[in-house]
Amino acid sequence: MNKIGNVINSMIEYYSGDIKRINHFIKVYGFAKAIGEMENLEQRVQEILEVAAVVHDIGIKISEEKYQSSAGNYQQIEGPAIAENMLSNLGYDKSLIERVCYLIAHHHTYTDIDGLDYQILVEADFLVNLYEDNMSEAGIKSAKEKIFRTQTGNLFLAECFQN
């Protein structure tokens, strides 16, 4: 098992000087780690989830350069190749890299969620984005109804937003 600290370090280097992006992935990682542990994920699935949480937005930088946009669809297109290279250089195995890249390529797609790692990544990202985007009460309620499925994710949503 590789150390998540190496992935975090690589992402901090990748987003050097962009504290907004660094803070975002650290917060998503924190929520994802906690939700995964509280939902009793198997160790391998937990590892995939944690790595994916750290690198989920790796495609933003190239999307902004290439398309002048950080839109989710561009992130999903551009992110996997960058993540694959980074994770290969960090010594992660092919099957973990493939799943993480799949999660990056789908983390803004909320239909056909296949697996708890995917579900929890989406919930963790939503928990952070709802706050960072100053979402309305109606928006939070809609996310609760449409997105949140895990007991822990729902608990965190209720506690964070008092709804």
N, C-alpha and C. Protein backbone atom coordinates (compact mmCIF):
# COMPACT_ATOMS: atom_id res chain seq x y z
N MET A 1 0.85 -1.19 0.00
CA MET A 1 0.00 0.00 0.00
C MET A 1 0.89 1.25 0.00
N ASN A 2 0.66 2.11 -0.96
CA ASN A 2 1.41 3.36 -1.03
C ASN A 2 0.85 4.34 -0.01
N LYS A 3 1.60 5.38 0.22
CA LYS A 3 1.18 6.37 1.21
C LYS A 3 0.45 7.52 0.54
N ILE A 4 -0.72 7.83 1.07
CA ILE A 4 -1.54 8.90 0.53
C ILE A 4 -0.82 10.25 0.62
N GLY A 5 0.07 10.39 1.59
CA GLY A 5 0.84 11.63 1.70
C GLY A 5 1.62 11.95 0.45
N ASN A 6 2.10 10.92 -0.25
CA ASN A 6 2.83 11.15 -1.51
C ASN A 6 1.91 11.71 -2.59
N VAL A 7 0.67 11.24 -2.61
CA VAL A 7 -0.29 11.75 -3.59
C VAL A 7 -0.63 13.21 -3.25
N ILE A 8 -0.87 13.47 -1.98
CA ILE A 8 -1.16 14.84 -1.55
C ILE A 8 0.00 15.76 -1.90
N ASN A 9 1.22 15.33 -1.62
CA ASN A 9 2.39 16.13 -1.94
C ASN A 9 2.47 16.41 -3.44
N SER A 10 2.24 15.39 -4.26
CA SER A 10 2.28 15.58 -5.71
C SER A 10 1.21 16.55 -6.19
N MET A 11 0.03 16.47 -5.59
CA MET A 11 -1.04 17.39 -5.98
C MET A 11 -0.76 18.82 -5.50
N ILE A 12 -0.14 18.97 -4.34
CA ILE A 12 0.23 20.31 -3.88
C ILE A 12 1.26 20.90 -4.83
N GLU A 13 2.22 20.09 -5.25
CA GLU A 13 3.20 20.56 -6.24
C GLU A 13 2.50 20.91 -7.55
N TYR A 14 1.59 20.06 -7.99
CA TYR A 14 0.88 20.27 -9.25
C TYR A 14 0.09 21.58 -9.23
N TYR A 15 -0.56 21.87 -8.09
CA TYR A 15 -1.34 23.09 -7.95
C TYR A 15 -0.60 24.17 -7.15
N SER A 16 0.70 24.14 -7.22
CA SER A 16 1.54 25.10 -6.50
C SER A 16 1.03 26.53 -6.70
N GLY A 17 0.81 27.24 -5.60
CA GLY A 17 0.34 28.62 -5.65
C GLY A 17 -1.16 28.76 -5.77
N ASP A 18 -1.89 27.67 -5.98
CA ASP A 18 -3.35 27.74 -6.13
C ASP A 18 -4.01 27.16 -4.87
N ILE A 19 -3.99 27.95 -3.81
CA ILE A 19 -4.47 27.49 -2.51
C ILE A 19 -5.95 27.09 -2.55
N LYS A 20 -6.73 27.73 -3.41
CA LYS A 20 -8.16 27.38 -3.53
C LYS A 20 -8.32 25.92 -3.96
N ARG A 21 -7.58 25.51 -4.99
CA ARG A 21 -7.67 24.13 -5.46
C ARG A 21 -7.09 23.14 -4.44
N ILE A 22 -5.99 23.53 -3.82
CA ILE A 22 -5.38 22.67 -2.80
C ILE A 22 -6.33 22.46 -1.63
N ASN A 23 -6.90 23.54 -1.13
CA ASN A 23 -7.86 23.42 -0.02
C ASN A 23 -9.05 22.56 -0.42
N HIS A 24 -9.51 22.70 -1.66
CA HIS A 24 -10.68 21.93 -2.10
C HIS A 24 -10.39 20.43 -2.03
N PHE A 25 -9.29 19.98 -2.63
CA PHE A 25 -9.07 18.53 -2.65
C PHE A 25 -8.74 18.00 -1.26
N ILE A 26 -8.14 18.80 -0.40
CA ILE A 26 -7.88 18.35 0.97
C ILE A 26 -9.20 18.15 1.72
N LYS A 27 -10.13 19.06 1.53
CA LYS A 27 -11.44 18.93 2.19
C LYS A 27 -12.22 17.72 1.65
N VAL A 28 -12.21 17.54 0.34
CA VAL A 28 -12.89 16.39 -0.25
C VAL A 28 -12.26 15.10 0.28
N TYR A 29 -10.94 15.07 0.33
CA TYR A 29 -10.24 13.90 0.87
C TYR A 29 -10.67 13.63 2.30
N GLY A 30 -10.75 14.65 3.14
CA GLY A 30 -11.14 14.46 4.54
C GLY A 30 -12.53 13.86 4.68
N PHE A 31 -13.47 14.42 3.94
CA PHE A 31 -14.83 13.87 3.99
C PHE A 31 -14.88 12.45 3.43
N ALA A 32 -14.22 12.22 2.31
CA ALA A 32 -14.23 10.89 1.69
C ALA A 32 -13.62 9.85 2.62
N LYS A 33 -12.50 10.18 3.21
CA LYS A 33 -11.83 9.24 4.14
C LYS A 33 -12.77 8.89 5.29
N ALA A 34 -13.36 9.91 5.90
CA ALA A 34 -14.24 9.67 7.05
C ALA A 34 -15.48 8.88 6.66
N ILE A 35 -16.11 9.26 5.56
CA ILE A 35 -17.32 8.54 5.13
C ILE A 35 -16.97 7.08 4.83
N GLY A 36 -15.90 6.86 4.09
CA GLY A 36 -15.48 5.50 3.75
C GLY A 36 -15.22 4.66 4.98
N GLU A 37 -14.51 5.22 5.96
CA GLU A 37 -14.24 4.48 7.18
C GLU A 37 -15.51 4.18 7.95
N MET A 38 -16.41 5.16 8.04
CA MET A 38 -17.64 4.97 8.79
C MET A 38 -18.62 4.03 8.07
N GLU A 39 -18.48 3.91 6.76
CA GLU A 39 -19.29 2.98 5.98
C GLU A 39 -18.62 1.61 5.88
N ASN A 40 -17.49 1.45 6.56
CA ASN A 40 -16.76 0.17 6.64
C ASN A 40 -16.37 -0.39 5.28
N LEU A 41 -15.77 0.46 4.45
CA LEU A 41 -15.29 -0.02 3.16
C LEU A 41 -14.16 -1.01 3.35
N GLU A 42 -14.04 -1.93 2.42
CA GLU A 42 -12.89 -2.84 2.42
C GLU A 42 -11.64 -1.99 2.21
N GLN A 43 -10.50 -2.46 2.69
CA GLN A 43 -9.26 -1.68 2.65
C GLN A 43 -8.90 -1.22 1.24
N ARG A 44 -9.01 -2.10 0.26
CA ARG A 44 -8.64 -1.75 -1.11
C ARG A 44 -9.57 -0.67 -1.67
N VAL A 45 -10.86 -0.78 -1.41
CA VAL A 45 -11.82 0.21 -1.88
C VAL A 45 -11.57 1.54 -1.18
N GLN A 46 -11.24 1.50 0.10
CA GLN A 46 -10.91 2.71 0.85
C GLN A 46 -9.69 3.40 0.24
N GLU A 47 -8.68 2.61 -0.10
CA GLU A 47 -7.47 3.18 -0.71
C GLU A 47 -7.80 3.85 -2.05
N ILE A 48 -8.58 3.18 -2.87
CA ILE A 48 -8.99 3.75 -4.16
C ILE A 48 -9.75 5.06 -3.92
N LEU A 49 -10.69 5.04 -2.99
CA LEU A 49 -11.48 6.23 -2.67
C LEU A 49 -10.59 7.38 -2.25
N GLU A 50 -9.66 7.13 -1.35
CA GLU A 50 -8.80 8.21 -0.84
C GLU A 50 -7.93 8.80 -1.94
N VAL A 51 -7.34 7.94 -2.76
CA VAL A 51 -6.52 8.44 -3.86
C VAL A 51 -7.39 9.25 -4.82
N ALA A 52 -8.54 8.73 -5.18
CA ALA A 52 -9.44 9.43 -6.09
C ALA A 52 -9.88 10.78 -5.52
N ALA A 53 -10.14 10.83 -4.23
CA ALA A 53 -10.56 12.09 -3.61
C ALA A 53 -9.48 13.16 -3.74
N VAL A 54 -8.24 12.76 -3.60
CA VAL A 54 -7.15 13.73 -3.70
C VAL A 54 -7.00 14.22 -5.14
N VAL A 55 -7.09 13.32 -6.12
CA VAL A 55 -6.81 13.70 -7.51
C VAL A 55 -8.06 13.98 -8.36
N HIS A 56 -9.24 13.96 -7.77
CA HIS A 56 -10.47 14.02 -8.57
C HIS A 56 -10.55 15.24 -9.49
N ASP A 57 -9.99 16.35 -9.10
CA ASP A 57 -10.05 17.57 -9.90
C ASP A 57 -8.75 17.88 -10.64
N ILE A 58 -7.92 16.89 -10.84
CA ILE A 58 -6.63 17.09 -11.49
C ILE A 58 -6.78 17.66 -12.91
N GLY A 59 -7.92 17.45 -13.52
CA GLY A 59 -8.15 17.93 -14.89
C GLY A 59 -8.48 19.40 -15.00
N ILE A 60 -8.71 20.08 -13.88
CA ILE A 60 -9.10 21.49 -13.94
C ILE A 60 -8.01 22.35 -14.59
N LYS A 61 -6.78 22.14 -14.18
CA LYS A 61 -5.68 22.99 -14.66
C LYS A 61 -5.58 22.96 -16.18
N ILE A 62 -5.54 21.79 -16.77
CA ILE A 62 -5.43 21.68 -18.22
C ILE A 62 -6.71 22.14 -18.91
N SER A 63 -7.87 21.92 -18.26
CA SER A 63 -9.15 22.37 -18.84
C SER A 63 -9.19 23.89 -18.93
N GLU A 64 -8.70 24.56 -17.90
CA GLU A 64 -8.68 26.02 -17.93
C GLU A 64 -7.72 26.53 -19.01
N GLU A 65 -6.60 25.84 -19.19
CA GLU A 65 -5.65 26.24 -20.23
C GLU A 65 -6.20 25.95 -21.63
N LYS A 66 -6.77 24.78 -21.81
CA LYS A 66 -7.19 24.31 -23.12
C LYS A 66 -8.54 24.87 -23.56
N TYR A 67 -9.49 24.97 -22.61
CA TYR A 67 -10.86 25.37 -22.95
C TYR A 67 -11.29 26.68 -22.28
N GLN A 68 -10.39 27.26 -21.47
CA GLN A 68 -10.73 28.44 -20.66
C GLN A 68 -11.96 28.18 -19.79
N SER A 69 -12.04 26.96 -19.28
CA SER A 69 -13.18 26.55 -18.47
C SER A 69 -12.77 25.43 -17.51
N SER A 70 -13.36 25.47 -16.34
CA SER A 70 -13.15 24.37 -15.38
C SER A 70 -14.38 23.47 -15.30
N ALA A 71 -15.24 23.54 -16.29
CA ALA A 71 -16.49 22.76 -16.30
C ALA A 71 -16.21 21.28 -16.09
N GLY A 72 -17.12 20.63 -15.40
CA GLY A 72 -16.96 19.23 -15.04
C GLY A 72 -16.73 18.32 -16.22
N ASN A 73 -17.40 18.57 -17.35
CA ASN A 73 -17.22 17.68 -18.50
C ASN A 73 -15.79 17.75 -19.03
N TYR A 74 -15.16 18.92 -18.98
CA TYR A 74 -13.77 19.03 -19.41
C TYR A 74 -12.82 18.35 -18.42
N GLN A 75 -13.11 18.50 -17.14
CA GLN A 75 -12.30 17.82 -16.12
C GLN A 75 -12.33 16.31 -16.35
N GLN A 76 -13.51 15.80 -16.65
CA GLN A 76 -13.66 14.36 -16.85
C GLN A 76 -12.90 13.87 -18.09
N ILE A 77 -12.77 14.72 -19.09
CA ILE A 77 -12.03 14.37 -20.30
C ILE A 77 -10.53 14.44 -20.06
N GLU A 78 -10.08 15.50 -19.45
CA GLU A 78 -8.64 15.78 -19.36
C GLU A 78 -7.96 15.15 -18.14
N GLY A 79 -8.69 14.91 -17.08
CA GLY A 79 -8.09 14.47 -15.83
C GLY A 79 -7.46 13.09 -15.82
N PRO A 80 -8.10 12.08 -16.39
CA PRO A 80 -7.56 10.72 -16.27
C PRO A 80 -6.13 10.54 -16.74
N ALA A 81 -5.77 11.11 -17.86
CA ALA A 81 -4.41 10.93 -18.39
C ALA A 81 -3.36 11.53 -17.46
N ILE A 82 -3.66 12.68 -16.90
CA ILE A 82 -2.72 13.33 -15.99
C ILE A 82 -2.59 12.50 -14.71
N ALA A 83 -3.73 12.03 -14.20
CA ALA A 83 -3.71 11.21 -12.99
C ALA A 83 -2.97 9.90 -13.22
N GLU A 84 -3.20 9.28 -14.38
CA GLU A 84 -2.53 8.02 -14.68
C GLU A 84 -1.01 8.19 -14.63
N ASN A 85 -0.52 9.25 -15.21
CA ASN A 85 0.91 9.51 -15.20
C ASN A 85 1.42 9.74 -13.78
N MET A 86 0.72 10.58 -13.01
CA MET A 86 1.14 10.88 -11.65
C MET A 86 1.15 9.62 -10.78
N LEU A 87 0.09 8.85 -10.85
CA LEU A 87 -0.02 7.67 -9.99
C LEU A 87 0.94 6.57 -10.41
N SER A 88 1.20 6.45 -11.70
CA SER A 88 2.21 5.49 -12.17
C SER A 88 3.58 5.86 -11.61
N ASN A 89 3.91 7.15 -11.67
CA ASN A 89 5.19 7.61 -11.14
C ASN A 89 5.30 7.40 -9.64
N LEU A 90 4.17 7.36 -8.96
CA LEU A 90 4.17 7.13 -7.51
C LEU A 90 4.15 5.64 -7.16
N GLY A 91 4.10 4.78 -8.16
CA GLY A 91 4.19 3.34 -7.94
C GLY A 91 2.90 2.61 -7.68
N TYR A 92 1.77 3.23 -7.99
CA TYR A 92 0.49 2.55 -7.80
C TYR A 92 0.30 1.49 -8.88
N ASP A 93 -0.44 0.44 -8.55
CA ASP A 93 -0.66 -0.65 -9.50
C ASP A 93 -1.73 -0.27 -10.52
N LYS A 94 -1.70 -1.01 -11.62
CA LYS A 94 -2.55 -0.71 -12.77
C LYS A 94 -4.04 -0.74 -12.43
N SER A 95 -4.48 -1.71 -11.65
CA SER A 95 -5.92 -1.81 -11.38
C SER A 95 -6.41 -0.64 -10.53
N LEU A 96 -5.61 -0.20 -9.56
CA LEU A 96 -5.99 0.97 -8.77
C LEU A 96 -6.04 2.20 -9.67
N ILE A 97 -5.03 2.38 -10.50
CA ILE A 97 -4.98 3.54 -11.39
C ILE A 97 -6.19 3.55 -12.33
N GLU A 98 -6.55 2.39 -12.86
CA GLU A 98 -7.70 2.31 -13.77
C GLU A 98 -8.99 2.73 -13.07
N ARG A 99 -9.20 2.27 -11.84
CA ARG A 99 -10.42 2.64 -11.13
C ARG A 99 -10.42 4.12 -10.76
N VAL A 100 -9.29 4.63 -10.31
CA VAL A 100 -9.20 6.05 -9.97
C VAL A 100 -9.47 6.89 -11.21
N CYS A 101 -8.90 6.51 -12.34
CA CYS A 101 -9.14 7.26 -13.58
C CYS A 101 -10.60 7.19 -14.00
N TYR A 102 -11.22 6.03 -13.79
CA TYR A 102 -12.66 5.91 -14.06
C TYR A 102 -13.44 6.89 -13.18
N LEU A 103 -13.09 6.96 -11.92
CA LEU A 103 -13.80 7.86 -11.01
C LEU A 103 -13.60 9.32 -11.40
N ILE A 104 -12.39 9.68 -11.80
CA ILE A 104 -12.13 11.04 -12.27
C ILE A 104 -12.99 11.33 -13.50
N ALA A 105 -13.06 10.37 -14.41
CA ALA A 105 -13.79 10.54 -15.66
C ALA A 105 -15.30 10.57 -15.48
N HIS A 106 -15.77 10.29 -14.27
CA HIS A 106 -17.22 10.24 -14.02
C HIS A 106 -17.67 11.03 -12.80
N HIS A 107 -16.78 11.72 -12.11
CA HIS A 107 -17.17 12.31 -10.82
C HIS A 107 -18.15 13.48 -10.92
N HIS A 108 -18.43 13.93 -12.14
CA HIS A 108 -19.49 14.92 -12.35
C HIS A 108 -20.68 14.30 -13.08
N THR A 109 -20.72 12.99 -13.10
CA THR A 109 -21.84 12.25 -13.70
C THR A 109 -22.56 11.54 -12.56
N TYR A 110 -23.81 11.88 -12.36
CA TYR A 110 -24.52 11.42 -11.16
C TYR A 110 -25.55 10.33 -11.44
N THR A 111 -25.49 9.74 -12.62
CA THR A 111 -26.35 8.62 -12.94
C THR A 111 -25.48 7.38 -13.06
N ASP A 112 -26.07 6.24 -12.82
CA ASP A 112 -25.37 4.96 -12.94
C ASP A 112 -24.11 4.89 -12.07
N ILE A 113 -24.22 5.37 -10.85
CA ILE A 113 -23.08 5.30 -9.92
C ILE A 113 -22.87 3.85 -9.55
N ASP A 114 -21.70 3.34 -9.86
CA ASP A 114 -21.41 1.92 -9.66
C ASP A 114 -20.32 1.73 -8.60
N GLY A 115 -20.72 1.58 -7.41
CA GLY A 115 -19.76 1.30 -6.34
C GLY A 115 -19.78 2.35 -5.25
N LEU A 116 -19.46 1.89 -4.05
CA LEU A 116 -19.43 2.82 -2.92
C LEU A 116 -18.31 3.84 -3.04
N ASP A 117 -17.19 3.47 -3.67
CA ASP A 117 -16.12 4.45 -3.84
C ASP A 117 -16.62 5.64 -4.66
N TYR A 118 -17.34 5.36 -5.72
CA TYR A 118 -17.91 6.39 -6.59
C TYR A 118 -18.95 7.21 -5.83
N GLN A 119 -19.88 6.54 -5.15
CA GLN A 119 -20.92 7.23 -4.39
C GLN A 119 -20.32 8.16 -3.34
N ILE A 120 -19.37 7.66 -2.60
CA ILE A 120 -18.77 8.45 -1.52
C ILE A 120 -17.97 9.62 -2.07
N LEU A 121 -17.25 9.41 -3.17
CA LEU A 121 -16.51 10.51 -3.79
C LEU A 121 -17.47 11.63 -4.18
N VAL A 122 -18.57 11.28 -4.80
CA VAL A 122 -19.56 12.29 -5.20
C VAL A 122 -20.12 13.01 -3.97
N GLU A 123 -20.46 12.26 -2.93
CA GLU A 123 -20.99 12.89 -1.72
C GLU A 123 -19.98 13.82 -1.07
N ALA A 124 -18.73 13.39 -0.98
CA ALA A 124 -17.68 14.22 -0.37
C ALA A 124 -17.49 15.50 -1.18
N ASP A 125 -17.46 15.38 -2.49
CA ASP A 125 -17.29 16.55 -3.35
C ASP A 125 -18.49 17.49 -3.19
N PHE A 126 -19.67 16.93 -3.09
CA PHE A 126 -20.87 17.76 -2.87
C PHE A 126 -20.80 18.47 -1.53
N LEU A 127 -20.40 17.79 -0.48
CA LEU A 127 -20.31 18.44 0.83
C LEU A 127 -19.44 19.68 0.77
N VAL A 128 -18.34 19.58 0.07
CA VAL A 128 -17.42 20.72 -0.06
C VAL A 128 -17.99 21.77 -1.00
N ASN A 129 -18.51 21.35 -2.15
CA ASN A 129 -19.02 22.30 -3.13
C ASN A 129 -20.25 23.05 -2.64
N LEU A 130 -21.11 22.39 -1.89
CA LEU A 130 -22.29 23.08 -1.36
C LEU A 130 -21.87 24.28 -0.51
N TYR A 131 -20.82 24.12 0.27
CA TYR A 131 -20.30 25.22 1.08
C TYR A 131 -19.56 26.24 0.22
N GLU A 132 -18.61 25.75 -0.60
CA GLU A 132 -17.79 26.67 -1.39
C GLU A 132 -18.62 27.49 -2.37
N ASP A 133 -19.71 26.91 -2.87
CA ASP A 133 -20.58 27.60 -3.82
C ASP A 133 -21.72 28.35 -3.13
N ASN A 134 -21.70 28.36 -1.78
CA ASN A 134 -22.72 29.06 -1.00
C ASN A 134 -24.12 28.68 -1.47
N MET A 135 -24.36 27.37 -1.54
CA MET A 135 -25.61 26.85 -2.07
C MET A 135 -26.80 27.26 -1.19
N SER A 136 -27.92 27.52 -1.83
CA SER A 136 -29.15 27.88 -1.14
C SER A 136 -29.70 26.67 -0.39
N GLU A 137 -30.63 26.93 0.50
CA GLU A 137 -31.28 25.85 1.24
C GLU A 137 -32.00 24.90 0.27
N ALA A 138 -32.62 25.45 -0.77
CA ALA A 138 -33.30 24.63 -1.76
C ALA A 138 -32.30 23.75 -2.52
N GLY A 139 -31.14 24.29 -2.82
CA GLY A 139 -30.10 23.53 -3.50
C GLY A 139 -29.57 22.40 -2.65
N ILE A 140 -29.42 22.67 -1.36
CA ILE A 140 -28.96 21.64 -0.42
C ILE A 140 -30.00 20.53 -0.32
N LYS A 141 -31.26 20.91 -0.23
CA LYS A 141 -32.35 19.93 -0.15
C LYS A 141 -32.38 19.07 -1.41
N SER A 142 -32.21 19.69 -2.56
CA SER A 142 -32.20 18.97 -3.82
C SER A 142 -31.04 17.97 -3.88
N ALA A 143 -29.86 18.40 -3.43
CA ALA A 143 -28.70 17.50 -3.40
C ALA A 143 -28.96 16.33 -2.47
N LYS A 144 -29.58 16.60 -1.34
CA LYS A 144 -29.89 15.52 -0.39
C LYS A 144 -30.79 14.48 -1.04
N GLU A 145 -31.80 14.93 -1.75
CA GLU A 145 -32.76 14.02 -2.38
C GLU A 145 -32.17 13.27 -3.56
N LYS A 146 -31.33 13.95 -4.36
CA LYS A 146 -30.86 13.38 -5.61
C LYS A 146 -29.50 12.69 -5.52
N ILE A 147 -28.66 13.08 -4.56
CA ILE A 147 -27.27 12.63 -4.56
C ILE A 147 -26.94 11.72 -3.39
N PHE A 148 -27.31 12.10 -2.20
CA PHE A 148 -26.81 11.42 -1.00
C PHE A 148 -27.53 10.10 -0.75
N ARG A 149 -26.74 9.04 -0.60
CA ARG A 149 -27.27 7.69 -0.38
C ARG A 149 -26.70 7.03 0.87
N THR A 150 -25.47 7.37 1.24
CA THR A 150 -24.88 6.69 2.40
C THR A 150 -25.41 7.29 3.70
N GLN A 151 -25.46 6.47 4.71
CA GLN A 151 -25.90 6.94 6.03
C GLN A 151 -24.98 8.04 6.53
N THR A 152 -23.67 7.83 6.39
CA THR A 152 -22.70 8.80 6.90
C THR A 152 -22.74 10.09 6.10
N GLY A 153 -22.85 10.00 4.78
CA GLY A 153 -22.95 11.20 3.96
C GLY A 153 -24.16 12.03 4.34
N ASN A 154 -25.29 11.37 4.57
CA ASN A 154 -26.50 12.07 5.00
C ASN A 154 -26.33 12.69 6.38
N LEU A 155 -25.66 11.98 7.27
CA LEU A 155 -25.39 12.52 8.60
C LEU A 155 -24.52 13.78 8.51
N PHE A 156 -23.44 13.70 7.73
CA PHE A 156 -22.56 14.86 7.58
C PHE A 156 -23.30 16.03 6.94
N LEU A 157 -24.12 15.76 5.94
CA LEU A 157 -24.89 16.81 5.29
C LEU A 157 -25.80 17.50 6.30
N ALA A 158 -26.51 16.72 7.09
CA ALA A 158 -27.41 17.28 8.10
C ALA A 158 -26.65 18.09 9.15
N GLU A 159 -25.54 17.56 9.60
CA GLU A 159 -24.76 18.26 10.64
C GLU A 159 -24.11 19.52 10.10
N CYS A 160 -23.59 19.46 8.89
CA CYS A 160 -22.89 20.63 8.33
C CYS A 160 -23.86 21.75 7.99
N PHE A 161 -25.03 21.38 7.48
CA PHE A 161 -25.95 22.40 6.98
C PHE A 161 -27.22 22.52 7.82
N GLN A 162 -27.29 21.79 8.92
CA GLN A 162 -28.40 21.87 9.87
C GLN A 162 -29.76 21.78 9.17
N ASN A 163 -29.87 20.75 8.31
CA ASN A 163 -31.17 20.60 7.62
C ASN A 163 -31.79 19.27 7.94
